[in-house]
Amino acid sequence: MSGKTILYVEDNEYNLKMVRQLLARTSYKLIEATDGELGVATALKEIPNLILMDIQLPKLSGLEATRRLRADPTTAAIPIIVITSFALSGDDQKAKDAGASDYLAKPYSPRELMQMIRKFVPEN
């Protein structure tokens, strides 16, 4: 059986590369979307096991994308970890209010991210 799929919705190439390298050593399959609209469309098409969602995205914010995914029965139950560099007071609550399963502030350690991913979708 192949690994579980993770969708990473992120517009920053450096952040994408970091997560690609991190997951390369695991059984997870990574798919990517570089804006909020594409993130929602990709999630509906691919039905990933987990979504990593940046907040600051072109076209549609990560919070709005999260709300749309929560509103659709196809994607409503998929765990969504909201990742943001805007770790301002209250952002974690905004993420939770939008339907995020969890919240991770940048900069984070790769180990921290892997622990969170495995909490929601253990490797096979």
N, C-alpha and C. Protein backbone atom coordinates (compact mmCIF):
# COMPACT_ATOMS: atom_id res chain seq x y z
N MET A 1 0.84 -1.19 0.00
CA MET A 1 0.00 0.00 0.00
C MET A 1 0.89 1.25 0.00
N SER A 2 0.49 2.24 -0.78
CA SER A 2 1.30 3.45 -0.86
C SER A 2 1.04 4.34 0.35
N GLY A 3 1.92 5.30 0.54
CA GLY A 3 1.82 6.18 1.70
C GLY A 3 0.61 7.09 1.65
N LYS A 4 0.37 7.73 2.75
CA LYS A 4 -0.75 8.66 2.85
C LYS A 4 -0.38 9.98 2.18
N THR A 5 -1.39 10.66 1.67
CA THR A 5 -1.18 11.89 0.91
C THR A 5 -1.35 13.13 1.78
N ILE A 6 -0.40 14.05 1.64
CA ILE A 6 -0.46 15.33 2.33
C ILE A 6 -0.49 16.43 1.28
N LEU A 7 -1.46 17.33 1.39
CA LEU A 7 -1.54 18.49 0.51
C LEU A 7 -0.94 19.68 1.26
N TYR A 8 0.04 20.33 0.66
CA TYR A 8 0.64 21.53 1.26
C TYR A 8 0.25 22.73 0.41
N VAL A 9 -0.53 23.64 0.99
CA VAL A 9 -0.97 24.85 0.28
C VAL A 9 -0.08 25.99 0.78
N GLU A 10 0.86 26.40 -0.08
CA GLU A 10 1.91 27.36 0.31
C GLU A 10 2.43 28.04 -0.95
N ASP A 11 2.62 29.37 -0.89
CA ASP A 11 3.11 30.10 -2.06
C ASP A 11 4.60 30.42 -1.98
N ASN A 12 5.25 30.10 -0.88
CA ASN A 12 6.66 30.42 -0.72
C ASN A 12 7.52 29.21 -1.10
N GLU A 13 8.35 29.37 -2.12
CA GLU A 13 9.15 28.25 -2.64
C GLU A 13 10.10 27.68 -1.58
N TYR A 14 10.67 28.53 -0.76
CA TYR A 14 11.58 28.06 0.29
C TYR A 14 10.85 27.11 1.25
N ASN A 15 9.66 27.51 1.68
CA ASN A 15 8.87 26.68 2.60
C ASN A 15 8.46 25.36 1.94
N LEU A 16 8.07 25.44 0.67
CA LEU A 16 7.71 24.23 -0.07
C LEU A 16 8.89 23.26 -0.13
N LYS A 17 10.06 23.80 -0.44
CA LYS A 17 11.27 22.99 -0.56
C LYS A 17 11.61 22.31 0.77
N MET A 18 11.47 23.07 1.86
CA MET A 18 11.77 22.52 3.18
C MET A 18 10.87 21.32 3.51
N VAL A 19 9.58 21.46 3.23
CA VAL A 19 8.64 20.37 3.53
C VAL A 19 8.86 19.21 2.56
N ARG A 20 9.17 19.51 1.29
CA ARG A 20 9.50 18.43 0.33
C ARG A 20 10.65 17.58 0.86
N GLN A 21 11.71 18.27 1.31
CA GLN A 21 12.89 17.55 1.81
C GLN A 21 12.57 16.76 3.08
N LEU A 22 11.76 17.34 3.93
CA LEU A 22 11.37 16.68 5.18
C LEU A 22 10.58 15.40 4.90
N LEU A 23 9.64 15.48 3.97
CA LEU A 23 8.78 14.33 3.69
C LEU A 23 9.41 13.32 2.74
N ALA A 24 10.51 13.71 2.09
CA ALA A 24 11.18 12.80 1.15
C ALA A 24 11.67 11.54 1.86
N ARG A 25 11.97 11.66 3.14
CA ARG A 25 12.47 10.51 3.89
C ARG A 25 11.36 9.71 4.58
N THR A 26 10.13 9.98 4.21
CA THR A 26 9.00 9.29 4.82
C THR A 26 8.21 8.54 3.74
N SER A 27 7.14 7.88 4.15
CA SER A 27 6.29 7.19 3.17
C SER A 27 5.14 8.09 2.69
N TYR A 28 5.09 9.34 3.19
CA TYR A 28 4.03 10.25 2.77
C TYR A 28 4.23 10.71 1.34
N LYS A 29 3.11 10.89 0.63
CA LYS A 29 3.14 11.45 -0.72
C LYS A 29 2.72 12.91 -0.61
N LEU A 30 3.55 13.82 -1.12
CA LEU A 30 3.25 15.25 -1.02
C LEU A 30 2.69 15.77 -2.33
N ILE A 31 1.57 16.49 -2.22
CA ILE A 31 1.05 17.23 -3.37
C ILE A 31 1.00 18.70 -2.94
N GLU A 32 1.10 19.60 -3.91
CA GLU A 32 1.23 21.02 -3.58
C GLU A 32 0.24 21.88 -4.35
N ALA A 33 -0.12 22.99 -3.72
CA ALA A 33 -0.92 24.02 -4.38
C ALA A 33 -0.33 25.35 -3.93
N THR A 34 -0.25 26.32 -4.85
CA THR A 34 0.44 27.57 -4.53
C THR A 34 -0.49 28.76 -4.28
N ASP A 35 -1.80 28.53 -4.26
CA ASP A 35 -2.72 29.59 -3.82
C ASP A 35 -3.96 28.94 -3.22
N GLY A 36 -4.76 29.75 -2.53
CA GLY A 36 -5.92 29.23 -1.81
C GLY A 36 -6.95 28.56 -2.70
N GLU A 37 -7.25 29.17 -3.85
CA GLU A 37 -8.25 28.59 -4.77
C GLU A 37 -7.79 27.23 -5.27
N LEU A 38 -6.53 27.16 -5.68
CA LEU A 38 -5.97 25.90 -6.16
C LEU A 38 -5.94 24.86 -5.03
N GLY A 39 -5.67 25.32 -3.81
CA GLY A 39 -5.67 24.44 -2.66
C GLY A 39 -7.00 23.77 -2.46
N VAL A 40 -8.08 24.55 -2.53
CA VAL A 40 -9.43 24.00 -2.36
C VAL A 40 -9.73 23.03 -3.50
N ALA A 41 -9.44 23.43 -4.74
CA ALA A 41 -9.71 22.57 -5.90
C ALA A 41 -8.93 21.27 -5.83
N THR A 42 -7.64 21.35 -5.43
CA THR A 42 -6.79 20.16 -5.34
C THR A 42 -7.30 19.23 -4.24
N ALA A 43 -7.70 19.79 -3.11
CA ALA A 43 -8.21 18.98 -2.00
C ALA A 43 -9.48 18.24 -2.43
N LEU A 44 -10.36 18.90 -3.16
CA LEU A 44 -11.61 18.28 -3.61
C LEU A 44 -11.34 17.17 -4.64
N LYS A 45 -10.31 17.37 -5.45
CA LYS A 45 -9.98 16.39 -6.48
C LYS A 45 -9.19 15.20 -5.92
N GLU A 46 -8.20 15.47 -5.08
CA GLU A 46 -7.27 14.44 -4.61
C GLU A 46 -7.69 13.76 -3.30
N ILE A 47 -8.51 14.43 -2.50
CA ILE A 47 -8.93 13.96 -1.17
C ILE A 47 -7.71 13.47 -0.36
N PRO A 48 -6.84 14.40 0.03
CA PRO A 48 -5.65 14.01 0.80
C PRO A 48 -6.01 13.54 2.22
N ASN A 49 -5.06 12.90 2.89
CA ASN A 49 -5.28 12.45 4.27
C ASN A 49 -5.07 13.59 5.27
N LEU A 50 -4.31 14.62 4.82
CA LEU A 50 -4.00 15.76 5.69
C LEU A 50 -3.70 16.97 4.81
N ILE A 51 -4.05 18.16 5.31
CA ILE A 51 -3.75 19.39 4.59
C ILE A 51 -2.93 20.30 5.50
N LEU A 52 -1.81 20.80 4.96
CA LEU A 52 -1.01 21.84 5.62
C LEU A 52 -1.37 23.13 4.90
N MET A 53 -1.89 24.11 5.63
CA MET A 53 -2.44 25.31 5.01
C MET A 53 -1.75 26.56 5.53
N ASP A 54 -1.07 27.28 4.62
CA ASP A 54 -0.50 28.57 4.99
C ASP A 54 -1.66 29.57 5.08
N ILE A 55 -1.52 30.62 5.90
CA ILE A 55 -2.60 31.61 6.00
C ILE A 55 -2.48 32.67 4.91
N GLN A 56 -1.26 33.18 4.68
CA GLN A 56 -1.06 34.26 3.71
C GLN A 56 -0.89 33.67 2.32
N LEU A 57 -1.98 33.62 1.55
CA LEU A 57 -1.94 33.02 0.21
C LEU A 57 -2.54 33.97 -0.82
N PRO A 58 -2.08 33.86 -2.08
CA PRO A 58 -2.73 34.64 -3.15
C PRO A 58 -4.13 34.09 -3.44
N LYS A 59 -4.98 34.93 -3.99
CA LYS A 59 -6.33 34.60 -4.47
C LYS A 59 -7.34 34.32 -3.37
N LEU A 60 -6.97 33.54 -2.37
CA LEU A 60 -7.90 33.16 -1.31
C LEU A 60 -7.06 32.88 -0.07
N SER A 61 -7.38 33.50 1.05
CA SER A 61 -6.57 33.28 2.25
C SER A 61 -6.70 31.84 2.73
N GLY A 62 -5.70 31.41 3.49
CA GLY A 62 -5.74 30.06 4.05
C GLY A 62 -6.92 29.86 4.97
N LEU A 63 -7.31 30.92 5.69
CA LEU A 63 -8.47 30.79 6.59
C LEU A 63 -9.75 30.60 5.78
N GLU A 64 -9.90 31.37 4.70
CA GLU A 64 -11.10 31.23 3.86
C GLU A 64 -11.10 29.87 3.16
N ALA A 65 -9.93 29.43 2.68
CA ALA A 65 -9.82 28.10 2.05
C ALA A 65 -10.22 27.01 3.05
N THR A 66 -9.77 27.16 4.30
CA THR A 66 -10.11 26.20 5.35
C THR A 66 -11.62 26.18 5.57
N ARG A 67 -12.24 27.36 5.64
CA ARG A 67 -13.70 27.44 5.81
C ARG A 67 -14.43 26.72 4.68
N ARG A 68 -13.97 26.93 3.45
CA ARG A 68 -14.62 26.29 2.29
C ARG A 68 -14.48 24.77 2.34
N LEU A 69 -13.29 24.31 2.74
CA LEU A 69 -13.08 22.86 2.82
C LEU A 69 -13.94 22.25 3.93
N ARG A 70 -14.11 22.96 5.02
CA ARG A 70 -14.95 22.48 6.13
C ARG A 70 -16.43 22.45 5.72
N ALA A 71 -16.83 23.37 4.84
CA ALA A 71 -18.23 23.46 4.42
C ALA A 71 -18.60 22.39 3.40
N ASP A 72 -17.61 21.77 2.77
CA ASP A 72 -17.88 20.76 1.75
C ASP A 72 -17.82 19.37 2.38
N PRO A 73 -18.89 18.58 2.24
CA PRO A 73 -18.90 17.25 2.86
C PRO A 73 -17.76 16.35 2.39
N THR A 74 -17.26 16.58 1.19
CA THR A 74 -16.16 15.76 0.65
C THR A 74 -14.88 15.93 1.46
N THR A 75 -14.64 17.15 1.94
CA THR A 75 -13.37 17.46 2.62
C THR A 75 -13.56 17.85 4.09
N ALA A 76 -14.77 17.84 4.58
CA ALA A 76 -15.08 18.35 5.93
C ALA A 76 -14.29 17.64 7.03
N ALA A 77 -13.99 16.36 6.86
CA ALA A 77 -13.34 15.59 7.93
C ALA A 77 -11.82 15.51 7.81
N ILE A 78 -11.25 16.07 6.74
CA ILE A 78 -9.79 16.01 6.56
C ILE A 78 -9.12 16.92 7.59
N PRO A 79 -8.13 16.41 8.34
CA PRO A 79 -7.42 17.28 9.29
C PRO A 79 -6.66 18.38 8.53
N ILE A 80 -6.76 19.60 9.05
CA ILE A 80 -6.07 20.75 8.45
C ILE A 80 -5.19 21.40 9.51
N ILE A 81 -3.88 21.45 9.24
CA ILE A 81 -2.94 22.15 10.13
C ILE A 81 -2.64 23.49 9.47
N VAL A 82 -3.05 24.57 10.13
CA VAL A 82 -2.79 25.90 9.62
C VAL A 82 -1.38 26.32 10.06
N ILE A 83 -0.58 26.77 9.07
CA ILE A 83 0.79 27.19 9.33
C ILE A 83 0.91 28.66 8.95
N THR A 84 1.45 29.46 9.87
CA THR A 84 1.56 30.88 9.56
C THR A 84 2.78 31.50 10.18
N SER A 85 3.31 32.52 9.51
CA SER A 85 4.41 33.28 10.10
C SER A 85 3.82 34.47 10.85
N PHE A 86 2.53 34.65 10.73
CA PHE A 86 1.86 35.74 11.42
C PHE A 86 1.32 35.23 12.74
N ALA A 87 2.25 34.87 13.62
CA ALA A 87 1.88 34.26 14.90
C ALA A 87 1.46 35.34 15.89
N LEU A 88 0.53 36.16 15.46
CA LEU A 88 0.05 37.22 16.32
C LEU A 88 -0.94 36.65 17.31
N SER A 89 -1.10 37.34 18.39
CA SER A 89 -2.06 36.90 19.39
C SER A 89 -3.44 36.83 18.74
N GLY A 90 -4.09 35.70 18.91
CA GLY A 90 -5.42 35.55 18.33
C GLY A 90 -5.45 34.79 17.02
N ASP A 91 -4.29 34.65 16.34
CA ASP A 91 -4.27 33.92 15.07
C ASP A 91 -4.64 32.46 15.26
N ASP A 92 -4.18 31.87 16.36
CA ASP A 92 -4.51 30.47 16.61
C ASP A 92 -6.02 30.32 16.77
N GLN A 93 -6.66 31.29 17.44
CA GLN A 93 -8.11 31.23 17.61
C GLN A 93 -8.83 31.42 16.28
N LYS A 94 -8.32 32.34 15.43
CA LYS A 94 -8.91 32.55 14.10
C LYS A 94 -8.81 31.26 13.28
N ALA A 95 -7.66 30.59 13.37
CA ALA A 95 -7.47 29.34 12.64
C ALA A 95 -8.46 28.28 13.12
N LYS A 96 -8.60 28.16 14.44
CA LYS A 96 -9.54 27.18 15.01
C LYS A 96 -10.98 27.53 14.61
N ASP A 97 -11.33 28.83 14.66
CA ASP A 97 -12.67 29.28 14.28
C ASP A 97 -12.98 28.94 12.82
N ALA A 98 -11.95 28.98 11.97
CA ALA A 98 -12.13 28.66 10.55
C ALA A 98 -12.26 27.15 10.34
N GLY A 99 -11.91 26.36 11.36
CA GLY A 99 -12.05 24.92 11.25
C GLY A 99 -10.75 24.15 11.26
N ALA A 100 -9.64 24.84 11.55
CA ALA A 100 -8.35 24.15 11.58
C ALA A 100 -8.32 23.11 12.70
N SER A 101 -7.68 21.99 12.43
CA SER A 101 -7.52 20.94 13.43
C SER A 101 -6.41 21.30 14.40
N ASP A 102 -5.42 22.02 13.90
CA ASP A 102 -4.30 22.43 14.73
C ASP A 102 -3.63 23.63 14.08
N TYR A 103 -2.62 24.17 14.75
CA TYR A 103 -2.01 25.43 14.37
C TYR A 103 -0.51 25.36 14.64
N LEU A 104 0.29 25.80 13.69
CA LEU A 104 1.74 25.79 13.86
C LEU A 104 2.30 27.13 13.39
N ALA A 105 3.07 27.79 14.24
CA ALA A 105 3.63 29.10 13.89
C ALA A 105 5.04 28.93 13.33
N LYS A 106 5.35 29.70 12.26
CA LYS A 106 6.71 29.75 11.73
C LYS A 106 7.50 30.74 12.57
N PRO A 107 8.77 30.55 12.79
CA PRO A 107 9.53 29.38 12.34
C PRO A 107 9.27 28.20 13.29
N TYR A 108 9.16 27.02 12.71
CA TYR A 108 8.96 25.81 13.51
C TYR A 108 10.10 24.87 13.21
N SER A 109 10.32 23.92 14.09
CA SER A 109 11.37 22.95 13.82
C SER A 109 10.78 21.83 12.96
N PRO A 110 11.58 21.25 12.06
CA PRO A 110 11.08 20.13 11.24
C PRO A 110 10.52 19.00 12.12
N ARG A 111 11.16 18.78 13.26
CA ARG A 111 10.71 17.73 14.16
C ARG A 111 9.30 18.02 14.68
N GLU A 112 9.07 19.28 15.00
CA GLU A 112 7.76 19.72 15.48
C GLU A 112 6.67 19.44 14.42
N LEU A 113 6.99 19.80 13.17
CA LEU A 113 6.04 19.57 12.08
C LEU A 113 5.78 18.08 11.90
N MET A 114 6.82 17.26 11.91
CA MET A 114 6.64 15.80 11.74
C MET A 114 5.80 15.21 12.86
N GLN A 115 6.02 15.67 14.08
CA GLN A 115 5.22 15.17 15.21
C GLN A 115 3.74 15.49 15.00
N MET A 116 3.48 16.70 14.52
CA MET A 116 2.10 17.12 14.30
C MET A 116 1.47 16.31 13.16
N ILE A 117 2.22 16.12 12.07
CA ILE A 117 1.72 15.33 10.94
C ILE A 117 1.38 13.91 11.41
N ARG A 118 2.31 13.30 12.14
CA ARG A 118 2.11 11.92 12.58
C ARG A 118 0.97 11.79 13.60
N LYS A 119 0.71 12.87 14.32
CA LYS A 119 -0.41 12.86 15.27
C LYS A 119 -1.74 12.67 14.51
N PHE A 120 -1.85 13.30 13.36
CA PHE A 120 -3.08 13.24 12.58
C PHE A 120 -3.11 12.06 11.59
N VAL A 121 -1.98 11.79 10.96
CA VAL A 121 -1.90 10.67 10.01
C VAL A 121 -0.62 9.89 10.24
N PRO A 122 -0.71 8.86 11.09
CA PRO A 122 0.47 8.03 11.33
C PRO A 122 0.94 7.39 10.02
N GLU A 123 2.27 7.25 9.90
CA GLU A 123 2.79 6.56 8.72
C GLU A 123 2.30 5.11 8.76
N ASN A 124 2.26 4.48 7.59
CA ASN A 124 1.71 3.12 7.49
C ASN A 124 2.36 2.17 8.47
